Amino acid sequence: LRTGYDDFRRAVKADKEGASRLVEALCARVAAAELRNRVLVIHDARKRLATLLLQMAMTRQAELGKEMNSVHLHVSHAYLATHASLTRPHTTVLMTRLRTMGCITYRRGSAIEVTVAALRLMLEPTRSK
């Protein structure tokens, strides 16, 4: 579907509710892009993956409307690799490290349990070394 600027402007003027939904959708996309950029600017791959997991856990908490000590995420290593701009094998190595540090738990074929406080603690600037 292609439409010219003038036709689009008229349609937006005529449908205030549609215009509101359009702005809401645009804002949601911009917010999602901002979160993604916050992950991608992190050079340290372990911290980048940990930040992504923490963001996903916090998003899940917001969806559920409550804060929890741990959040279950149903995502694959391949999905995480794509969203953290890593290879899948590197993601698996980093996930093993995060599991050893007590930040996450998971078994093959099951949800990843993210321990929110442990990830936050690991990502604190004073703990970066």
C-alpha atoms as a PDB file:
ATOM      1  CA  LEU A   1       0.000   0.000   0.000  1.00  0.00           C
ATOM      2  CA  ARG A   2       1.444   3.317  -1.068  1.00  0.00           C
ATOM      3  CA  THR A   3      -0.014   6.686  -0.288  1.00  0.00           C
ATOM      4  CA  GLY A   4       1.126  10.221  -0.885  1.00  0.00           C
ATOM      5  CA  TYR A   5       1.837  12.757   1.809  1.00  0.00           C
ATOM      6  CA  ASP A   6      -1.355  14.737   1.249  1.00  0.00           C
ATOM      7  CA  ASP A   7      -3.549  11.623   1.331  1.00  0.00           C
ATOM      8  CA  PHE A   8      -1.809  10.452   4.494  1.00  0.00           C
ATOM      9  CA  ARG A   9      -2.261  13.860   6.151  1.00  0.00           C
ATOM     10  CA  ARG A  10      -5.970  13.887   5.302  1.00  0.00           C
ATOM     11  CA  ALA A  11      -6.427  10.371   6.656  1.00  0.00           C
ATOM     12  CA  VAL A  12      -4.713  11.293   9.928  1.00  0.00           C
ATOM     13  CA  LYS A  13      -6.827  14.440  10.271  1.00  0.00           C
ATOM     14  CA  ALA A  14     -10.022  12.481   9.605  1.00  0.00           C
ATOM     15  CA  ASP A  15      -9.308   9.667  12.074  1.00  0.00           C
ATOM     16  CA  LYS A  16      -8.136  11.070  15.410  1.00  0.00           C
ATOM     17  CA  GLU A  17      -8.235   7.670  17.107  1.00  0.00           C
ATOM     18  CA  GLY A  18      -6.219   6.138  14.278  1.00  0.00           C
ATOM     19  CA  ALA A  19      -3.724   8.994  14.531  1.00  0.00           C
ATOM     20  CA  SER A  20      -3.401   8.365  18.258  1.00  0.00           C
ATOM     21  CA  ARG A  21      -2.765   4.646  17.674  1.00  0.00           C
ATOM     22  CA  LEU A  22      -0.196   5.517  15.009  1.00  0.00           C
ATOM     23  CA  VAL A  23       1.700   7.829  17.379  1.00  0.00           C
ATOM     24  CA  GLU A  24       1.508   5.219  20.147  1.00  0.00           C
ATOM     25  CA  ALA A  25       2.923   2.540  17.845  1.00  0.00           C
ATOM     26  CA  LEU A  26       5.665   4.888  16.660  1.00  0.00           C
ATOM     27  CA  CYS A  27       6.622   5.739  20.249  1.00  0.00           C
ATOM     28  CA  ALA A  28       6.757   2.045  21.151  1.00  0.00           C
ATOM     29  CA  ARG A  29       9.074   1.397  18.196  1.00  0.00           C
ATOM     30  CA  VAL A  30      11.350   4.304  19.143  1.00  0.00           C
ATOM     31  CA  ALA A  31      11.486   3.065  22.764  1.00  0.00           C
ATOM     32  CA  ALA A  32      12.363  -0.459  21.586  1.00  0.00           C
ATOM     33  CA  ALA A  33      15.099   0.941  19.339  1.00  0.00           C
ATOM     34  CA  GLU A  34      16.478   2.938  22.274  1.00  0.00           C
ATOM     35  CA  LEU A  35      16.646  -0.198  24.439  1.00  0.00           C
ATOM     36  CA  ARG A  36      18.338  -2.124  21.639  1.00  0.00           C
ATOM     37  CA  ASN A  37      20.892   0.656  21.189  1.00  0.00           C
ATOM     38  CA  ARG A  38      21.670   0.568  24.923  1.00  0.00           C
ATOM     39  CA  VAL A  39      22.611  -3.079  24.506  1.00  0.00           C
ATOM     40  CA  LEU A  40      24.564  -2.720  21.277  1.00  0.00           C
ATOM     41  CA  VAL A  41      26.854   0.092  22.458  1.00  0.00           C
ATOM     42  CA  ILE A  42      28.325  -2.158  25.166  1.00  0.00           C
ATOM     43  CA  HIS A  43      31.670  -3.465  23.933  1.00  0.00           C
ATOM     44  CA  ASP A  44      32.124  -6.232  26.509  1.00  0.00           C
ATOM     45  CA  ALA A  45      30.165  -9.196  25.133  1.00  0.00           C
ATOM     46  CA  ARG A  46      29.367 -10.667  28.573  1.00  0.00           C
ATOM     47  CA  LYS A  47      27.968  -7.362  29.796  1.00  0.00           C
ATOM     48  CA  ARG A  48      26.072  -6.886  26.529  1.00  0.00           C
ATOM     49  CA  LEU A  49      24.375 -10.262  26.919  1.00  0.00           C
ATOM     50  CA  ALA A  50      23.719  -9.664  30.631  1.00  0.00           C
ATOM     51  CA  THR A  51      22.188  -6.265  29.840  1.00  0.00           C
ATOM     52  CA  LEU A  52      19.946  -7.827  27.204  1.00  0.00           C
ATOM     53  CA  LEU A  53      18.790 -10.524  29.640  1.00  0.00           C
ATOM     54  CA  LEU A  54      18.137  -7.913  32.336  1.00  0.00           C
ATOM     55  CA  GLN A  55      16.139  -5.746  29.913  1.00  0.00           C
ATOM     56  CA  MET A  56      14.087  -8.748  28.843  1.00  0.00           C
ATOM     57  CA  ALA A  57      13.457  -9.722  32.478  1.00  0.00           C
ATOM     58  CA  MET A  58      12.373  -6.197  33.378  1.00  0.00           C
ATOM     59  CA  THR A  59      10.087  -6.043  30.351  1.00  0.00           C
ATOM     60  CA  ARG A  60       8.525  -9.332  31.450  1.00  0.00           C
ATOM     61  CA  GLN A  61       8.047  -7.962  34.974  1.00  0.00           C
ATOM     62  CA  ALA A  62       6.316  -4.898  33.533  1.00  0.00           C
ATOM     63  CA  GLU A  63       4.021  -7.122  31.448  1.00  0.00           C
ATOM     64  CA  LEU A  64       3.089  -9.101  34.559  1.00  0.00           C
ATOM     65  CA  GLY A  65       2.716  -5.939  36.644  1.00  0.00           C
ATOM     66  CA  LYS A  66       4.954  -7.087  39.484  1.00  0.00           C
ATOM     67  CA  GLU A  67       8.591  -7.257  40.488  1.00  0.00           C
ATOM     68  CA  MET A  68      10.040 -10.693  41.052  1.00  0.00           C
ATOM     69  CA  ASN A  69      13.408 -12.038  42.177  1.00  0.00           C
ATOM     70  CA  SER A  70      13.616 -14.217  39.104  1.00  0.00           C
ATOM     71  CA  VAL A  71      11.932 -14.192  35.721  1.00  0.00           C
ATOM     72  CA  HIS A  72      11.537 -17.053  33.253  1.00  0.00           C
ATOM     73  CA  LEU A  73      12.322 -16.218  29.638  1.00  0.00           C
ATOM     74  CA  HIS A  74      11.399 -18.597  26.839  1.00  0.00           C
ATOM     75  CA  VAL A  75      14.120 -17.680  24.339  1.00  0.00           C
ATOM     76  CA  SER A  76      16.830 -19.639  22.568  1.00  0.00           C
ATOM     77  CA  HIS A  77      20.555 -19.012  22.499  1.00  0.00           C
ATOM     78  CA  ALA A  78      20.155 -18.205  18.802  1.00  0.00           C
ATOM     79  CA  TYR A  79      17.565 -15.513  19.601  1.00  0.00           C
ATOM     80  CA  LEU A  80      19.830 -14.009  22.272  1.00  0.00           C
ATOM     81  CA  ALA A  81      22.816 -14.150  19.918  1.00  0.00           C
ATOM     82  CA  THR A  82      20.935 -12.248  17.246  1.00  0.00           C
ATOM     83  CA  HIS A  83      19.729  -9.559  19.636  1.00  0.00           C
ATOM     84  CA  ALA A  84      23.126  -9.148  21.308  1.00  0.00           C
ATOM     85  CA  SER A  85      25.017  -9.203  17.980  1.00  0.00           C
ATOM     86  CA  LEU A  86      26.991 -12.282  18.948  1.00  0.00           C
ATOM     87  CA  THR A  87      27.499 -15.676  17.395  1.00  0.00           C
ATOM     88  CA  ARG A  88      25.403 -18.512  18.790  1.00  0.00           C
ATOM     89  CA  PRO A  89      28.457 -20.470  20.013  1.00  0.00           C
ATOM     90  CA  HIS A  90      29.841 -17.373  21.777  1.00  0.00           C
ATOM     91  CA  THR A  91      26.437 -16.789  23.353  1.00  0.00           C
ATOM     92  CA  THR A  92      26.439 -20.345  24.701  1.00  0.00           C
ATOM     93  CA  VAL A  93      29.894 -19.842  26.241  1.00  0.00           C
ATOM     94  CA  LEU A  94      28.754 -16.577  27.852  1.00  0.00           C
ATOM     95  CA  MET A  95      25.511 -18.150  29.091  1.00  0.00           C
ATOM     96  CA  THR A  96      27.582 -20.856  30.788  1.00  0.00           C
ATOM     97  CA  ARG A  97      29.658 -18.155  32.497  1.00  0.00           C
ATOM     98  CA  LEU A  98      26.519 -16.302  33.619  1.00  0.00           C
ATOM     99  CA  ARG A  99      25.124 -19.582  34.960  1.00  0.00           C
ATOM    100  CA  THR A 100      28.374 -20.236  36.870  1.00  0.00           C
ATOM    101  CA  MET A 101      28.136 -16.724  38.354  1.00  0.00           C
ATOM    102  CA  GLY A 102      24.596 -17.453  39.572  1.00  0.00           C
ATOM    103  CA  CYS A 103      22.945 -14.871  37.304  1.00  0.00           C
ATOM    104  CA  ILE A 104      20.862 -17.393  35.364  1.00  0.00           C
ATOM    105  CA  THR A 105      19.805 -21.019  35.449  1.00  0.00           C
ATOM    106  CA  TYR A 106      18.595 -23.143  32.573  1.00  0.00           C
ATOM    107  CA  ARG A 107      18.569 -26.607  31.101  1.00  0.00           C
ATOM    108  CA  ARG A 108      18.423 -27.606  27.473  1.00  0.00           C
ATOM    109  CA  GLY A 109      14.902 -27.118  26.141  1.00  0.00           C
ATOM    110  CA  SER A 110      13.642 -25.179  29.179  1.00  0.00           C
ATOM    111  CA  ALA A 111      13.113 -21.526  30.016  1.00  0.00           C
ATOM    112  CA  ILE A 112      16.022 -19.394  31.150  1.00  0.00           C
ATOM    113  CA  GLU A 113      15.542 -18.273  34.737  1.00  0.00           C
ATOM    114  CA  VAL A 114      17.052 -14.821  35.141  1.00  0.00           C
ATOM    115  CA  THR A 115      17.992 -13.781  38.676  1.00  0.00           C
ATOM    116  CA  VAL A 116      17.431 -10.040  38.447  1.00  0.00           C
ATOM    117  CA  ALA A 117      19.425  -8.978  41.523  1.00  0.00           C
ATOM    118  CA  ALA A 118      22.457 -11.066  40.507  1.00  0.00           C
ATOM    119  CA  LEU A 119      22.499  -9.554  37.017  1.00  0.00           C
ATOM    120  CA  ARG A 120      22.163  -6.039  38.429  1.00  0.00           C
ATOM    121  CA  LEU A 121      25.012  -6.692  40.841  1.00  0.00           C
ATOM    122  CA  MET A 122      27.209  -8.079  38.071  1.00  0.00           C
ATOM    123  CA  LEU A 123      26.524  -5.029  35.888  1.00  0.00           C
ATOM    124  CA  GLU A 124      27.357  -2.456  38.583  1.00  0.00           C
ATOM    125  CA  PRO A 125      30.301  -0.295  37.482  1.00  0.00           C
ATOM    126  CA  THR A 126      32.360  -1.186  40.585  1.00  0.00           C
ATOM    127  CA  ARG A 127      32.007  -4.904  39.760  1.00  0.00           C
ATOM    128  CA  SER A 128      33.162  -4.522  36.138  1.00  0.00           C
ATOM    129  CA  LYS A 129      36.679  -5.879  36.709  1.00  0.00           C
END
